[in-house]
Amino acid sequence: MKKQKHITFEEFEKELLKDPEFKKEYDLLEPEFAIIEAILKKRIESGLSQKQLAEKIGTKQSAISRIENGNANPSLKFLQKIAKGLDTKLKISFV
């Protein structure tokens, strides 16, 4: 039996990004991933569970989970509620 070489996610990602079509789609999703990463990071830094954050902003834990898993497209108003619940400000910029 042949041994398979295991690679890290970073190596796998780097290889995939060599494909121009994949890179184009990947880049289109970057803003969505940046929002998810920012929410997760701030929630964890704040020591809040999804349920605790949800209770602070008057929603259900499942709504926070869907956002963090990339299965929801939150409105600007909802992102503002999340920012307030995380005791931070929402900042949007075009670069």
N, C-alpha and C. Protein backbone atom coordinates (compact mmCIF):
# COMPACT_ATOMS: atom_id res chain seq x y z
N MET A 1 0.85 -1.18 0.00
CA MET A 1 0.00 0.00 0.00
C MET A 1 0.89 1.24 0.00
N LYS A 2 0.51 2.20 -0.81
CA LYS A 2 1.26 3.44 -0.96
C LYS A 2 0.87 4.43 0.14
N LYS A 3 1.86 5.06 0.75
CA LYS A 3 1.58 6.07 1.77
C LYS A 3 1.24 7.39 1.09
N GLN A 4 0.19 8.02 1.59
CA GLN A 4 -0.17 9.33 1.07
C GLN A 4 0.57 10.40 1.86
N LYS A 5 1.01 11.42 1.16
CA LYS A 5 1.66 12.55 1.82
C LYS A 5 0.58 13.48 2.35
N HIS A 6 0.66 13.80 3.60
CA HIS A 6 -0.31 14.72 4.19
C HIS A 6 0.22 16.14 4.05
N ILE A 7 -0.69 17.02 3.66
CA ILE A 7 -0.30 18.42 3.54
C ILE A 7 -1.16 19.26 4.47
N THR A 8 -0.66 20.43 4.81
CA THR A 8 -1.42 21.33 5.67
C THR A 8 -2.49 22.03 4.85
N PHE A 9 -3.44 22.63 5.55
CA PHE A 9 -4.47 23.39 4.85
C PHE A 9 -3.84 24.52 4.05
N GLU A 10 -2.85 25.18 4.64
CA GLU A 10 -2.19 26.29 3.95
C GLU A 10 -1.55 25.85 2.65
N GLU A 11 -0.92 24.67 2.66
CA GLU A 11 -0.32 24.14 1.43
C GLU A 11 -1.40 23.81 0.39
N PHE A 12 -2.49 23.23 0.86
CA PHE A 12 -3.60 22.89 -0.01
C PHE A 12 -4.20 24.16 -0.62
N GLU A 13 -4.42 25.16 0.22
CA GLU A 13 -4.98 26.42 -0.24
C GLU A 13 -4.06 27.09 -1.27
N LYS A 14 -2.78 27.10 -0.98
CA LYS A 14 -1.81 27.71 -1.90
C LYS A 14 -1.86 27.04 -3.27
N GLU A 15 -1.98 25.72 -3.27
CA GLU A 15 -2.06 24.97 -4.53
C GLU A 15 -3.35 25.32 -5.28
N LEU A 16 -4.46 25.38 -4.57
CA LEU A 16 -5.74 25.73 -5.21
C LEU A 16 -5.72 27.13 -5.80
N LEU A 17 -5.06 28.06 -5.11
CA LEU A 17 -5.04 29.45 -5.56
C LEU A 17 -4.22 29.66 -6.82
N LYS A 18 -3.51 28.65 -7.26
CA LYS A 18 -2.77 28.73 -8.52
C LYS A 18 -3.73 28.68 -9.72
N ASP A 19 -4.92 28.15 -9.50
CA ASP A 19 -5.94 28.06 -10.54
C ASP A 19 -6.65 29.41 -10.63
N PRO A 20 -6.54 30.12 -11.78
CA PRO A 20 -7.13 31.45 -11.92
C PRO A 20 -8.64 31.50 -11.65
N GLU A 21 -9.38 30.48 -12.08
CA GLU A 21 -10.83 30.46 -11.83
C GLU A 21 -11.14 30.33 -10.35
N PHE A 22 -10.40 29.43 -9.69
CA PHE A 22 -10.59 29.25 -8.25
C PHE A 22 -10.25 30.55 -7.52
N LYS A 23 -9.13 31.17 -7.89
CA LYS A 23 -8.68 32.42 -7.24
C LYS A 23 -9.73 33.51 -7.39
N LYS A 24 -10.31 33.61 -8.57
CA LYS A 24 -11.34 34.63 -8.82
C LYS A 24 -12.52 34.44 -7.87
N GLU A 25 -13.02 33.22 -7.76
CA GLU A 25 -14.15 32.95 -6.87
C GLU A 25 -13.76 33.13 -5.40
N TYR A 26 -12.57 32.71 -5.06
CA TYR A 26 -12.05 32.85 -3.69
C TYR A 26 -12.02 34.33 -3.31
N ASP A 27 -11.51 35.16 -4.20
CA ASP A 27 -11.42 36.59 -3.94
C ASP A 27 -12.79 37.24 -3.79
N LEU A 28 -13.77 36.74 -4.54
CA LEU A 28 -15.13 37.28 -4.42
C LEU A 28 -15.73 37.01 -3.04
N LEU A 29 -15.32 35.92 -2.40
CA LEU A 29 -15.84 35.55 -1.09
C LEU A 29 -15.07 36.20 0.07
N GLU A 30 -13.96 36.84 -0.21
CA GLU A 30 -13.11 37.39 0.83
C GLU A 30 -13.84 38.33 1.79
N PRO A 31 -14.68 39.26 1.32
CA PRO A 31 -15.37 40.14 2.27
C PRO A 31 -16.27 39.37 3.24
N GLU A 32 -16.94 38.33 2.74
CA GLU A 32 -17.80 37.52 3.59
C GLU A 32 -16.98 36.81 4.67
N PHE A 33 -15.85 36.24 4.25
CA PHE A 33 -14.99 35.56 5.22
C PHE A 33 -14.40 36.53 6.23
N ALA A 34 -14.10 37.75 5.79
CA ALA A 34 -13.54 38.75 6.70
C ALA A 34 -14.55 39.11 7.79
N ILE A 35 -15.81 39.23 7.42
CA ILE A 35 -16.86 39.54 8.40
C ILE A 35 -16.99 38.39 9.40
N ILE A 36 -17.04 37.17 8.89
CA ILE A 36 -17.17 36.01 9.77
C ILE A 36 -15.99 35.94 10.73
N GLU A 37 -14.79 36.11 10.20
CA GLU A 37 -13.59 36.06 11.04
C GLU A 37 -13.60 37.14 12.11
N ALA A 38 -14.02 38.35 11.74
CA ALA A 38 -14.05 39.45 12.70
C ALA A 38 -15.06 39.18 13.82
N ILE A 39 -16.23 38.68 13.47
CA ILE A 39 -17.25 38.38 14.49
C ILE A 39 -16.75 37.29 15.43
N LEU A 40 -16.24 36.21 14.85
CA LEU A 40 -15.73 35.10 15.67
C LEU A 40 -14.63 35.57 16.62
N LYS A 41 -13.68 36.29 16.06
CA LYS A 41 -12.53 36.75 16.85
C LYS A 41 -12.99 37.62 18.01
N LYS A 42 -13.84 38.58 17.72
CA LYS A 42 -14.31 39.50 18.76
C LYS A 42 -15.16 38.78 19.80
N ARG A 43 -16.01 37.86 19.35
CA ARG A 43 -16.85 37.12 20.30
C ARG A 43 -16.00 36.29 21.25
N ILE A 44 -15.00 35.61 20.69
CA ILE A 44 -14.12 34.78 21.53
C ILE A 44 -13.29 35.66 22.47
N GLU A 45 -12.76 36.77 21.95
CA GLU A 45 -12.00 37.70 22.81
C GLU A 45 -12.86 38.23 23.95
N SER A 46 -14.14 38.41 23.67
CA SER A 46 -15.07 38.93 24.69
C SER A 46 -15.50 37.85 25.67
N GLY A 47 -15.13 36.61 25.40
CA GLY A 47 -15.49 35.50 26.29
C GLY A 47 -16.95 35.14 26.24
N LEU A 48 -17.60 35.43 25.12
CA LEU A 48 -19.02 35.15 24.98
C LEU A 48 -19.25 33.90 24.16
N SER A 49 -20.23 33.12 24.55
CA SER A 49 -20.68 32.00 23.72
C SER A 49 -21.63 32.57 22.68
N GLN A 50 -21.96 31.77 21.69
CA GLN A 50 -22.96 32.20 20.71
C GLN A 50 -24.28 32.51 21.40
N LYS A 51 -24.64 31.68 22.35
CA LYS A 51 -25.91 31.87 23.07
C LYS A 51 -25.89 33.18 23.86
N GLN A 52 -24.79 33.48 24.52
CA GLN A 52 -24.70 34.72 25.30
C GLN A 52 -24.79 35.94 24.40
N LEU A 53 -24.10 35.90 23.27
CA LEU A 53 -24.18 37.02 22.32
C LEU A 53 -25.60 37.17 21.81
N ALA A 54 -26.21 36.06 21.46
CA ALA A 54 -27.59 36.09 20.95
C ALA A 54 -28.53 36.73 21.97
N GLU A 55 -28.39 36.34 23.23
CA GLU A 55 -29.24 36.91 24.28
C GLU A 55 -29.02 38.41 24.43
N LYS A 56 -27.76 38.85 24.30
CA LYS A 56 -27.46 40.28 24.42
C LYS A 56 -28.13 41.11 23.33
N ILE A 57 -28.29 40.51 22.15
CA ILE A 57 -28.84 41.30 21.03
C ILE A 57 -30.27 40.92 20.68
N GLY A 58 -30.85 40.03 21.46
CA GLY A 58 -32.26 39.68 21.27
C GLY A 58 -32.54 38.80 20.08
N THR A 59 -31.69 37.82 19.87
CA THR A 59 -31.92 36.86 18.78
C THR A 59 -31.65 35.46 19.31
N LYS A 60 -31.68 34.49 18.43
CA LYS A 60 -31.44 33.11 18.83
C LYS A 60 -30.00 32.71 18.54
N GLN A 61 -29.51 31.75 19.30
CA GLN A 61 -28.15 31.24 19.11
C GLN A 61 -27.97 30.72 17.69
N SER A 62 -29.00 30.14 17.13
CA SER A 62 -28.90 29.58 15.78
C SER A 62 -28.61 30.66 14.74
N ALA A 63 -29.09 31.87 14.97
CA ALA A 63 -28.82 32.97 14.04
C ALA A 63 -27.34 33.33 14.04
N ILE A 64 -26.74 33.34 15.23
CA ILE A 64 -25.31 33.62 15.34
C ILE A 64 -24.52 32.49 14.69
N SER A 65 -24.93 31.27 14.94
CA SER A 65 -24.26 30.10 14.35
C SER A 65 -24.30 30.16 12.83
N ARG A 66 -25.45 30.48 12.26
CA ARG A 66 -25.56 30.55 10.80
C ARG A 66 -24.62 31.60 10.22
N ILE A 67 -24.51 32.73 10.88
CA ILE A 67 -23.60 33.79 10.40
C ILE A 67 -22.16 33.30 10.48
N GLU A 68 -21.78 32.74 11.63
CA GLU A 68 -20.40 32.29 11.82
C GLU A 68 -20.03 31.13 10.91
N ASN A 69 -21.01 30.37 10.47
CA ASN A 69 -20.76 29.24 9.57
C ASN A 69 -20.87 29.64 8.10
N GLY A 70 -21.20 30.89 7.83
CA GLY A 70 -21.32 31.34 6.46
C GLY A 70 -22.61 30.92 5.79
N ASN A 71 -23.61 30.58 6.59
CA ASN A 71 -24.89 30.13 6.04
C ASN A 71 -25.98 31.19 6.13
N ALA A 72 -25.58 32.43 6.33
CA ALA A 72 -26.55 33.52 6.41
C ALA A 72 -25.93 34.76 5.79
N ASN A 73 -26.78 35.64 5.35
CA ASN A 73 -26.33 36.90 4.77
C ASN A 73 -26.94 38.01 5.63
N PRO A 74 -26.26 38.38 6.72
CA PRO A 74 -26.85 39.34 7.66
C PRO A 74 -26.98 40.74 7.05
N SER A 75 -28.03 41.42 7.45
CA SER A 75 -28.22 42.80 7.01
C SER A 75 -27.25 43.72 7.74
N LEU A 76 -27.11 44.92 7.23
CA LEU A 76 -26.28 45.91 7.90
C LEU A 76 -26.81 46.20 9.30
N LYS A 77 -28.12 46.27 9.42
CA LYS A 77 -28.74 46.51 10.72
C LYS A 77 -28.39 45.40 11.72
N PHE A 78 -28.42 44.15 11.25
CA PHE A 78 -28.10 43.04 12.14
C PHE A 78 -26.62 43.05 12.51
N LEU A 79 -25.75 43.40 11.57
CA LEU A 79 -24.32 43.51 11.88
C LEU A 79 -24.08 44.60 12.92
N GLN A 80 -24.85 45.69 12.85
CA GLN A 80 -24.74 46.75 13.85
C GLN A 80 -25.16 46.24 15.22
N LYS A 81 -26.20 45.42 15.28
CA LYS A 81 -26.63 44.83 16.55
C LYS A 81 -25.53 43.93 17.12
N ILE A 82 -24.91 43.15 16.25
CA ILE A 82 -23.82 42.28 16.70
C ILE A 82 -22.67 43.12 17.25
N ALA A 83 -22.31 44.17 16.53
CA ALA A 83 -21.22 45.05 16.99
C ALA A 83 -21.55 45.62 18.36
N LYS A 84 -22.77 46.08 18.54
CA LYS A 84 -23.17 46.63 19.83
C LYS A 84 -23.10 45.56 20.93
N GLY A 85 -23.54 44.35 20.61
CA GLY A 85 -23.50 43.25 21.56
C GLY A 85 -22.07 42.86 21.93
N LEU A 86 -21.14 43.13 21.02
CA LEU A 86 -19.73 42.84 21.27
C LEU A 86 -18.98 44.06 21.81
N ASP A 87 -19.72 45.10 22.15
CA ASP A 87 -19.14 46.35 22.67
C ASP A 87 -18.06 46.90 21.76
N THR A 88 -18.37 46.93 20.48
CA THR A 88 -17.45 47.47 19.49
C THR A 88 -18.24 48.24 18.44
N LYS A 89 -17.55 48.81 17.50
CA LYS A 89 -18.22 49.55 16.42
C LYS A 89 -18.03 48.80 15.11
N LEU A 90 -19.04 48.89 14.28
CA LEU A 90 -18.96 48.34 12.93
C LEU A 90 -18.34 49.38 12.02
N LYS A 91 -17.31 48.97 11.31
CA LYS A 91 -16.64 49.89 10.38
C LYS A 91 -16.61 49.22 9.01
N ILE A 92 -17.11 49.91 8.03
CA ILE A 92 -17.13 49.41 6.67
C ILE A 92 -16.30 50.35 5.81
N SER A 93 -15.46 49.79 4.96
CA SER A 93 -14.65 50.67 4.12
C SER A 93 -14.53 50.08 2.72
N PHE A 94 -14.29 50.94 1.78
CA PHE A 94 -14.02 50.55 0.42
C PHE A 94 -12.55 50.88 0.15
N VAL A 95 -11.82 49.91 -0.33
CA VAL A 95 -10.39 50.16 -0.59
C VAL A 95 -10.06 49.93 -2.03
